[in-house]
Amino acid sequence: MESLPRVVEKKSVGVELPAGTHWWCSCGLSSTQPFCDGSHKGRGMAPLKFELEAPRKVWLCNCKHTKTPPFCDGSHKALP
């Protein structure tokens, strides 16, 4: 079995999101990155639910190693 979380990219992704509930992929397996598509099922991981009060642009982690999920904190810079 693949080691999780899988690094999707060693950079963040900026997305304009509407207000409301969003589900960030924490395992790196989703085909709809950076959002969850259910690929984590049966692998002991779960997506992270986050809420936005108003529409805005956010920078989401795509290396899956951030200390401030789902937002990028620059952790990708320290990955091999």
PDB file of N, CA and C in Angstrom:
ATOM      1  N   MET A   1       0.840  -1.181   0.000  1.00  0.00           N
ATOM      2  CA  MET A   1       0.000   0.000   0.000  1.00  0.00           C
ATOM      3  C   MET A   1       0.885   1.245   0.000  1.00  0.00           C
ATOM      4  N   GLU A   2       0.457   2.240  -0.713  1.00  0.00           N
ATOM      5  CA  GLU A   2       1.178   3.503  -0.849  1.00  0.00           C
ATOM      6  C   GLU A   2       1.237   4.249   0.488  1.00  0.00           C
ATOM      7  N   SER A   3       2.388   4.892   0.741  1.00  0.00           N
ATOM      8  CA  SER A   3       2.544   5.704   1.938  1.00  0.00           C
ATOM      9  C   SER A   3       1.715   6.984   1.814  1.00  0.00           C
ATOM     10  N   LEU A   4       0.963   7.302   2.874  1.00  0.00           N
ATOM     11  CA  LEU A   4       0.099   8.476   2.835  1.00  0.00           C
ATOM     12  C   LEU A   4       0.495   9.453   3.928  1.00  0.00           C
ATOM     13  N   PRO A   5       0.330  10.732   3.725  1.00  0.00           N
ATOM     14  CA  PRO A   5      -0.296  11.331   2.549  1.00  0.00           C
ATOM     15  C   PRO A   5       0.661  11.390   1.360  1.00  0.00           C
ATOM     16  N   ARG A   6       0.095  11.301   0.181  1.00  0.00           N
ATOM     17  CA  ARG A   6       0.867  11.388  -1.056  1.00  0.00           C
ATOM     18  C   ARG A   6       1.037  12.866  -1.407  1.00  0.00           C
ATOM     19  N   VAL A   7       2.275  13.255  -1.751  1.00  0.00           N
ATOM     20  CA  VAL A   7       2.541  14.625  -2.184  1.00  0.00           C
ATOM     21  C   VAL A   7       2.004  14.788  -3.603  1.00  0.00           C
ATOM     22  N   VAL A   8       1.067  15.696  -3.773  1.00  0.00           N
ATOM     23  CA  VAL A   8       0.489  15.955  -5.088  1.00  0.00           C
ATOM     24  C   VAL A   8       1.410  16.892  -5.862  1.00  0.00           C
ATOM     25  N   GLU A   9       1.777  17.999  -5.242  1.00  0.00           N
ATOM     26  CA  GLU A   9       2.700  18.979  -5.804  1.00  0.00           C
ATOM     27  C   GLU A   9       3.447  19.637  -4.664  1.00  0.00           C
ATOM     28  N   LYS A  10       4.654  20.084  -4.915  1.00  0.00           N
ATOM     29  CA  LYS A  10       5.422  20.803  -3.907  1.00  0.00           C
ATOM     30  C   LYS A  10       5.174  22.295  -4.054  1.00  0.00           C
ATOM     31  N   LYS A  11       3.900  22.658  -4.021  1.00  0.00           N
ATOM     32  CA  LYS A  11       3.480  24.062  -4.058  1.00  0.00           C
ATOM     33  C   LYS A  11       2.010  24.124  -3.664  1.00  0.00           C
ATOM     34  N   SER A  12       1.577  25.328  -3.346  1.00  0.00           N
ATOM     35  CA  SER A  12       0.169  25.528  -2.993  1.00  0.00           C
ATOM     36  C   SER A  12      -0.639  25.763  -4.267  1.00  0.00           C
ATOM     37  N   VAL A  13      -1.956  25.761  -4.089  1.00  0.00           N
ATOM     38  CA  VAL A  13      -2.848  26.055  -5.205  1.00  0.00           C
ATOM     39  C   VAL A  13      -3.812  27.146  -4.741  1.00  0.00           C
ATOM     40  N   GLY A  14      -3.885  28.222  -5.514  1.00  0.00           N
ATOM     41  CA  GLY A  14      -4.796  29.313  -5.206  1.00  0.00           C
ATOM     42  C   GLY A  14      -6.136  29.083  -5.878  1.00  0.00           C
ATOM     43  N   VAL A  15      -7.199  29.133  -5.087  1.00  0.00           N
ATOM     44  CA  VAL A  15      -8.542  28.929  -5.633  1.00  0.00           C
ATOM     45  C   VAL A  15      -9.513  29.954  -5.068  1.00  0.00           C
ATOM     46  N   GLU A  16     -10.383  30.442  -5.934  1.00  0.00           N
ATOM     47  CA  GLU A  16     -11.475  31.329  -5.527  1.00  0.00           C
ATOM     48  C   GLU A  16     -12.629  30.432  -5.098  1.00  0.00           C
ATOM     49  N   LEU A  17     -13.053  30.571  -3.851  1.00  0.00           N
ATOM     50  CA  LEU A  17     -14.117  29.707  -3.335  1.00  0.00           C
ATOM     51  C   LEU A  17     -15.306  30.528  -2.859  1.00  0.00           C
ATOM     52  N   PRO A  18     -16.494  29.979  -3.029  1.00  0.00           N
ATOM     53  CA  PRO A  18     -17.676  30.645  -2.493  1.00  0.00           C
ATOM     54  C   PRO A  18     -17.752  30.425  -0.975  1.00  0.00           C
ATOM     55  N   ALA A  19     -18.562  31.211  -0.310  1.00  0.00           N
ATOM     56  CA  ALA A  19     -18.820  30.980   1.107  1.00  0.00           C
ATOM     57  C   ALA A  19     -19.462  29.607   1.259  1.00  0.00           C
ATOM     58  N   GLY A  20     -19.213  28.964   2.395  1.00  0.00           N
ATOM     59  CA  GLY A  20     -19.832  27.674   2.649  1.00  0.00           C
ATOM     60  C   GLY A  20     -18.837  26.617   3.070  1.00  0.00           C
ATOM     61  N   THR A  21     -19.270  25.370   2.999  1.00  0.00           N
ATOM     62  CA  THR A  21     -18.486  24.214   3.435  1.00  0.00           C
ATOM     63  C   THR A  21     -17.696  23.637   2.272  1.00  0.00           C
ATOM     64  N   HIS A  22     -16.443  23.298   2.553  1.00  0.00           N
ATOM     65  CA  HIS A  22     -15.553  22.701   1.555  1.00  0.00           C
ATOM     66  C   HIS A  22     -14.824  21.533   2.216  1.00  0.00           C
ATOM     67  N   TRP A  23     -14.411  20.560   1.405  1.00  0.00           N
ATOM     68  CA  TRP A  23     -13.720  19.369   1.915  1.00  0.00           C
ATOM     69  C   TRP A  23     -12.366  19.246   1.225  1.00  0.00           C
ATOM     70  N   TRP A  24     -11.284  19.474   1.990  1.00  0.00           N
ATOM     71  CA  TRP A  24      -9.908  19.405   1.481  1.00  0.00           C
ATOM     72  C   TRP A  24      -9.395  17.969   1.562  1.00  0.00           C
ATOM     73  N   CYS A  25      -8.792  17.504   0.496  1.00  0.00           N
ATOM     74  CA  CYS A  25      -8.197  16.162   0.455  1.00  0.00           C
ATOM     75  C   CYS A  25      -6.930  16.162   1.303  1.00  0.00           C
ATOM     76  N   SER A  26      -6.877  15.320   2.321  1.00  0.00           N
ATOM     77  CA  SER A  26      -5.692  15.225   3.176  1.00  0.00           C
ATOM     78  C   SER A  26      -4.794  14.040   2.817  1.00  0.00           C
ATOM     79  N   CYS A  27      -5.289  13.125   1.984  1.00  0.00           N
ATOM     80  CA  CYS A  27      -4.509  11.920   1.664  1.00  0.00           C
ATOM     81  C   CYS A  27      -3.664  12.063   0.400  1.00  0.00           C
ATOM     82  N   GLY A  28      -4.068  12.967  -0.489  1.00  0.00           N
ATOM     83  CA  GLY A  28      -3.327  13.160  -1.736  1.00  0.00           C
ATOM     84  C   GLY A  28      -3.759  12.232  -2.864  1.00  0.00           C
ATOM     85  N   LEU A  29      -4.804  11.440  -2.670  1.00  0.00           N
ATOM     86  CA  LEU A  29      -5.222  10.467  -3.683  1.00  0.00           C
ATOM     87  C   LEU A  29      -6.363  10.955  -4.582  1.00  0.00           C
ATOM     88  N   SER A  30      -7.030  12.005  -4.188  1.00  0.00           N
ATOM     89  CA  SER A  30      -8.189  12.488  -4.931  1.00  0.00           C
ATOM     90  C   SER A  30      -7.826  12.920  -6.351  1.00  0.00           C
ATOM     91  N   SER A  31      -8.715  12.647  -7.291  1.00  0.00           N
ATOM     92  CA  SER A  31      -8.502  13.102  -8.676  1.00  0.00           C
ATOM     93  C   SER A  31      -9.064  14.503  -8.876  1.00  0.00           C
ATOM     94  N   THR A  32      -9.637  15.081  -7.811  1.00  0.00           N
ATOM     95  CA  THR A  32     -10.197  16.433  -7.882  1.00  0.00           C
ATOM     96  C   THR A  32      -9.433  17.372  -6.946  1.00  0.00           C
ATOM     97  N   GLN A  33      -8.109  17.241  -6.897  1.00  0.00           N
ATOM     98  CA  GLN A  33      -7.263  18.052  -6.021  1.00  0.00           C
ATOM     99  C   GLN A  33      -7.549  19.531  -6.193  1.00  0.00           C
ATOM    100  N   PRO A  34      -7.540  20.272  -5.114  1.00  0.00           N
ATOM    101  CA  PRO A  34      -7.180  19.898  -3.748  1.00  0.00           C
ATOM    102  C   PRO A  34      -8.369  19.429  -2.917  1.00  0.00           C
ATOM    103  N   PHE A  35      -9.456  19.082  -3.576  1.00  0.00           N
ATOM    104  CA  PHE A  35     -10.676  18.688  -2.871  1.00  0.00           C
ATOM    105  C   PHE A  35     -10.864  17.177  -2.874  1.00  0.00           C
ATOM    106  N   CYS A  36     -11.607  16.686  -1.902  1.00  0.00           N
ATOM    107  CA  CYS A  36     -11.835  15.254  -1.717  1.00  0.00           C
ATOM    108  C   CYS A  36     -12.820  14.693  -2.747  1.00  0.00           C
ATOM    109  N   ASP A  37     -12.510  13.489  -3.245  1.00  0.00           N
ATOM    110  CA  ASP A  37     -13.448  12.763  -4.113  1.00  0.00           C
ATOM    111  C   ASP A  37     -13.791  11.390  -3.532  1.00  0.00           C
ATOM    112  N   GLY A  38     -13.367  11.134  -2.282  1.00  0.00           N
ATOM    113  CA  GLY A  38     -13.668   9.858  -1.623  1.00  0.00           C
ATOM    114  C   GLY A  38     -12.601   8.795  -1.801  1.00  0.00           C
ATOM    115  N   SER A  39     -11.500   9.096  -2.464  1.00  0.00           N
ATOM    116  CA  SER A  39     -10.442   8.100  -2.715  1.00  0.00           C
ATOM    117  C   SER A  39      -9.785   7.593  -1.435  1.00  0.00           C
ATOM    118  N   HIS A  40      -9.933   8.300  -0.325  1.00  0.00           N
ATOM    119  CA  HIS A  40      -9.322   7.920   0.948  1.00  0.00           C
ATOM    120  C   HIS A  40     -10.003   6.722   1.601  1.00  0.00           C
ATOM    121  N   LYS A  41     -11.194   6.387   1.184  1.00  0.00           N
ATOM    122  CA  LYS A  41     -11.978   5.357   1.863  1.00  0.00           C
ATOM    123  C   LYS A  41     -11.204   4.039   1.980  1.00  0.00           C
ATOM    124  N   GLY A  42     -11.187   3.491   3.192  1.00  0.00           N
ATOM    125  CA  GLY A  42     -10.499   2.237   3.456  1.00  0.00           C
ATOM    126  C   GLY A  42      -9.006   2.391   3.663  1.00  0.00           C
ATOM    127  N   ARG A  43      -8.516   3.623   3.753  1.00  0.00           N
ATOM    128  CA  ARG A  43      -7.077   3.856   3.901  1.00  0.00           C
ATOM    129  C   ARG A  43      -6.715   4.518   5.216  1.00  0.00           C
ATOM    130  N   GLY A  44      -7.703   4.692   6.106  1.00  0.00           N
ATOM    131  CA  GLY A  44      -7.421   5.242   7.421  1.00  0.00           C
ATOM    132  C   GLY A  44      -7.221   6.751   7.453  1.00  0.00           C
ATOM    133  N   MET A  45      -7.653   7.432   6.426  1.00  0.00           N
ATOM    134  CA  MET A  45      -7.549   8.889   6.392  1.00  0.00           C
ATOM    135  C   MET A  45      -8.924   9.469   6.100  1.00  0.00           C
ATOM    136  N   ALA A  46      -9.068  10.764   6.351  1.00  0.00           N
ATOM    137  CA  ALA A  46     -10.346  11.437   6.105  1.00  0.00           C
ATOM    138  C   ALA A  46     -10.073  12.842   5.586  1.00  0.00           C
ATOM    139  N   PRO A  47     -11.009  13.396   4.825  1.00  0.00           N
ATOM    140  CA  PRO A  47     -10.844  14.770   4.354  1.00  0.00           C
ATOM    141  C   PRO A  47     -11.033  15.747   5.512  1.00  0.00           C
ATOM    142  N   LEU A  48     -10.604  16.973   5.303  1.00  0.00           N
ATOM    143  CA  LEU A  48     -10.771  18.014   6.308  1.00  0.00           C
ATOM    144  C   LEU A  48     -11.858  18.973   5.859  1.00  0.00           C
ATOM    145  N   LYS A  49     -12.871  19.106   6.696  1.00  0.00           N
ATOM    146  CA  LYS A  49     -13.967  20.038   6.428  1.00  0.00           C
ATOM    147  C   LYS A  49     -13.527  21.435   6.864  1.00  0.00           C
ATOM    148  N   PHE A  50     -13.748  22.430   5.993  1.00  0.00           N
ATOM    149  CA  PHE A  50     -13.501  23.814   6.394  1.00  0.00           C
ATOM    150  C   PHE A  50     -14.591  24.706   5.848  1.00  0.00           C
ATOM    151  N   GLU A  51     -14.833  25.776   6.576  1.00  0.00           N
ATOM    152  CA  GLU A  51     -15.931  26.700   6.258  1.00  0.00           C
ATOM    153  C   GLU A  51     -15.365  28.071   5.920  1.00  0.00           C
ATOM    154  N   LEU A  52     -15.961  28.715   4.941  1.00  0.00           N
ATOM    155  CA  LEU A  52     -15.645  30.101   4.628  1.00  0.00           C
ATOM    156  C   LEU A  52     -16.898  30.927   4.870  1.00  0.00           C
ATOM    157  N   GLU A  53     -16.742  32.014   5.590  1.00  0.00           N
ATOM    158  CA  GLU A  53     -17.870  32.904   5.905  1.00  0.00           C
ATOM    159  C   GLU A  53     -18.267  33.748   4.701  1.00  0.00           C
ATOM    160  N   ALA A  54     -17.287  34.030   3.846  1.00  0.00           N
ATOM    161  CA  ALA A  54     -17.523  34.873   2.670  1.00  0.00           C
ATOM    162  C   ALA A  54     -16.686  34.329   1.518  1.00  0.00           C
ATOM    163  N   PRO A  55     -17.078  34.615   0.273  1.00  0.00           N
ATOM    164  CA  PRO A  55     -16.264  34.156  -0.851  1.00  0.00           C
ATOM    165  C   PRO A  55     -14.892  34.819  -0.793  1.00  0.00           C
ATOM    166  N   ARG A  56     -13.852  34.057  -1.122  1.00  0.00           N
ATOM    167  CA  ARG A  56     -12.498  34.622  -1.155  1.00  0.00           C
ATOM    168  C   ARG A  56     -11.522  33.658  -1.806  1.00  0.00           C
ATOM    169  N   LYS A  57     -10.354  34.193  -2.129  1.00  0.00           N
ATOM    170  CA  LYS A  57      -9.281  33.358  -2.665  1.00  0.00           C
ATOM    171  C   LYS A  57      -8.482  32.810  -1.497  1.00  0.00           C
ATOM    172  N   VAL A  58      -8.222  31.505  -1.533  1.00  0.00           N
ATOM    173  CA  VAL A  58      -7.416  30.858  -0.502  1.00  0.00           C
ATOM    174  C   VAL A  58      -6.284  30.087  -1.167  1.00  0.00           C
ATOM    175  N   TRP A  59      -5.210  29.873  -0.421  1.00  0.00           N
ATOM    176  CA  TRP A  59      -4.062  29.103  -0.905  1.00  0.00           C
ATOM    177  C   TRP A  59      -4.047  27.790  -0.132  1.00  0.00           C
ATOM    178  N   LEU A  60      -4.423  26.716  -0.825  1.00  0.00           N
ATOM    179  CA  LEU A  60      -4.538  25.409  -0.195  1.00  0.00           C
ATOM    180  C   LEU A  60      -3.279  24.588  -0.414  1.00  0.00           C
ATOM    181  N   CYS A  61      -2.944  23.794   0.595  1.00  0.00           N
ATOM    182  CA  CYS A  61      -1.755  22.947   0.555  1.00  0.00           C
ATOM    183  C   CYS A  61      -1.972  21.793  -0.424  1.00  0.00           C
ATOM    184  N   ASN A  62      -0.985  21.570  -1.276  1.00  0.00           N
ATOM    185  CA  ASN A  62      -1.046  20.436  -2.191  1.00  0.00           C
ATOM    186  C   ASN A  62       0.061  19.422  -1.913  1.00  0.00           C
ATOM    187  N   CYS A  63       0.933  19.725  -0.925  1.00  0.00           N
ATOM    188  CA  CYS A  63       1.944  18.728  -0.544  1.00  0.00           C
ATOM    189  C   CYS A  63       1.416  17.831   0.574  1.00  0.00           C
ATOM    190  N   LYS A  64       0.341  18.275   1.222  1.00  0.00           N
ATOM    191  CA  LYS A  64      -0.354  17.534   2.285  1.00  0.00           C
ATOM    192  C   LYS A  64       0.446  17.434   3.577  1.00  0.00           C
ATOM    193  N   HIS A  65       1.486  18.256   3.744  1.00  0.00           N
ATOM    194  CA  HIS A  65       2.312  18.240   4.951  1.00  0.00           C
ATOM    195  C   HIS A  65       2.230  19.536   5.752  1.00  0.00           C
ATOM    196  N   THR A  66       1.304  20.418   5.408  1.00  0.00           N
ATOM    197  CA  THR A  66       1.150  21.677   6.120  1.00  0.00           C
ATOM    198  C   THR A  66       0.834  21.460   7.604  1.00  0.00           C
ATOM    199  N   LYS A  67       1.266  22.376   8.423  1.00  0.00           N
ATOM    200  CA  LYS A  67       0.936  22.339   9.853  1.00  0.00           C
ATOM    201  C   LYS A  67      -0.335  23.160  10.115  1.00  0.00           C
ATOM    202  N   THR A  68      -0.884  23.798   9.060  1.00  0.00           N
ATOM    203  CA  THR A  68      -2.078  24.629   9.179  1.00  0.00           C
ATOM    204  C   THR A  68      -3.137  24.211   8.148  1.00  0.00           C
ATOM    205  N   PRO A  69      -3.490  22.917   8.117  1.00  0.00           N
ATOM    206  CA  PRO A  69      -4.416  22.450   7.095  1.00  0.00           C
ATOM    207  C   PRO A  69      -5.768  23.154   7.147  1.00  0.00           C
ATOM    208  N   PRO A  70      -6.351  23.424   6.025  1.00  0.00           N
ATOM    209  CA  PRO A  70      -5.969  23.042   4.666  1.00  0.00           C
ATOM    210  C   PRO A  70      -5.062  24.062   3.981  1.00  0.00           C
ATOM    211  N   PHE A  71      -4.657  25.094   4.743  1.00  0.00           N
ATOM    212  CA  PHE A  71      -3.936  26.200   4.128  1.00  0.00           C
ATOM    213  C   PHE A  71      -2.432  25.952   4.075  1.00  0.00           C
ATOM    214  N   CYS A  72      -1.808  26.438   3.026  1.00  0.00           N
ATOM    215  CA  CYS A  72      -0.364  26.278   2.841  1.00  0.00           C
ATOM    216  C   CYS A  72       0.394  27.086   3.888  1.00  0.00           C
ATOM    217  N   ASP A  73       1.427  26.477   4.469  1.00  0.00           N
ATOM    218  CA  ASP A  73       2.304  27.178   5.406  1.00  0.00           C
ATOM    219  C   ASP A  73       3.753  27.159   4.921  1.00  0.00           C
ATOM    220  N   GLY A  74       3.975  26.707   3.683  1.00  0.00           N
ATOM    221  CA  GLY A  74       5.326  26.643   3.132  1.00  0.00           C
ATOM    222  C   GLY A  74       6.064  25.361   3.439  1.00  0.00           C
ATOM    223  N   SER A  75       5.407  24.381   4.074  1.00  0.00           N
ATOM    224  CA  SER A  75       6.065  23.112   4.410  1.00  0.00           C
ATOM    225  C   SER A  75       6.666  22.414   3.204  1.00  0.00           C
ATOM    226  N   HIS A  76       6.101  22.642   2.024  1.00  0.00           N
ATOM    227  CA  HIS A  76       6.595  21.987   0.804  1.00  0.00           C
ATOM    228  C   HIS A  76       8.045  22.349   0.514  1.00  0.00           C
ATOM    229  N   LYS A  77       8.515  23.492   1.018  1.00  0.00           N
ATOM    230  CA  LYS A  77       9.898  23.926   0.778  1.00  0.00           C
ATOM    231  C   LYS A  77      10.905  23.035   1.482  1.00  0.00           C
ATOM    232  N   ALA A  78      10.482  22.327   2.527  1.00  0.00           N
ATOM    233  CA  ALA A  78      11.386  21.452   3.296  1.00  0.00           C
ATOM    234  C   ALA A  78      11.319  19.995   2.869  1.00  0.00           C
ATOM    235  N   LEU A  79      10.454  19.676   1.904  1.00  0.00           N
ATOM    236  CA  LEU A  79      10.327  18.279   1.458  1.00  0.00           C
ATOM    237  C   LEU A  79      11.490  17.912   0.530  1.00  0.00           C
ATOM    238  N   PRO A  80      11.920  16.654   0.607  1.00  0.00           N
ATOM    239  CA  PRO A  80      13.003  16.217  -0.294  1.00  0.00           C
ATOM    240  C   PRO A  80      12.577  16.204  -1.744  1.00  0.00           C
TER     241      PRO A  80
END
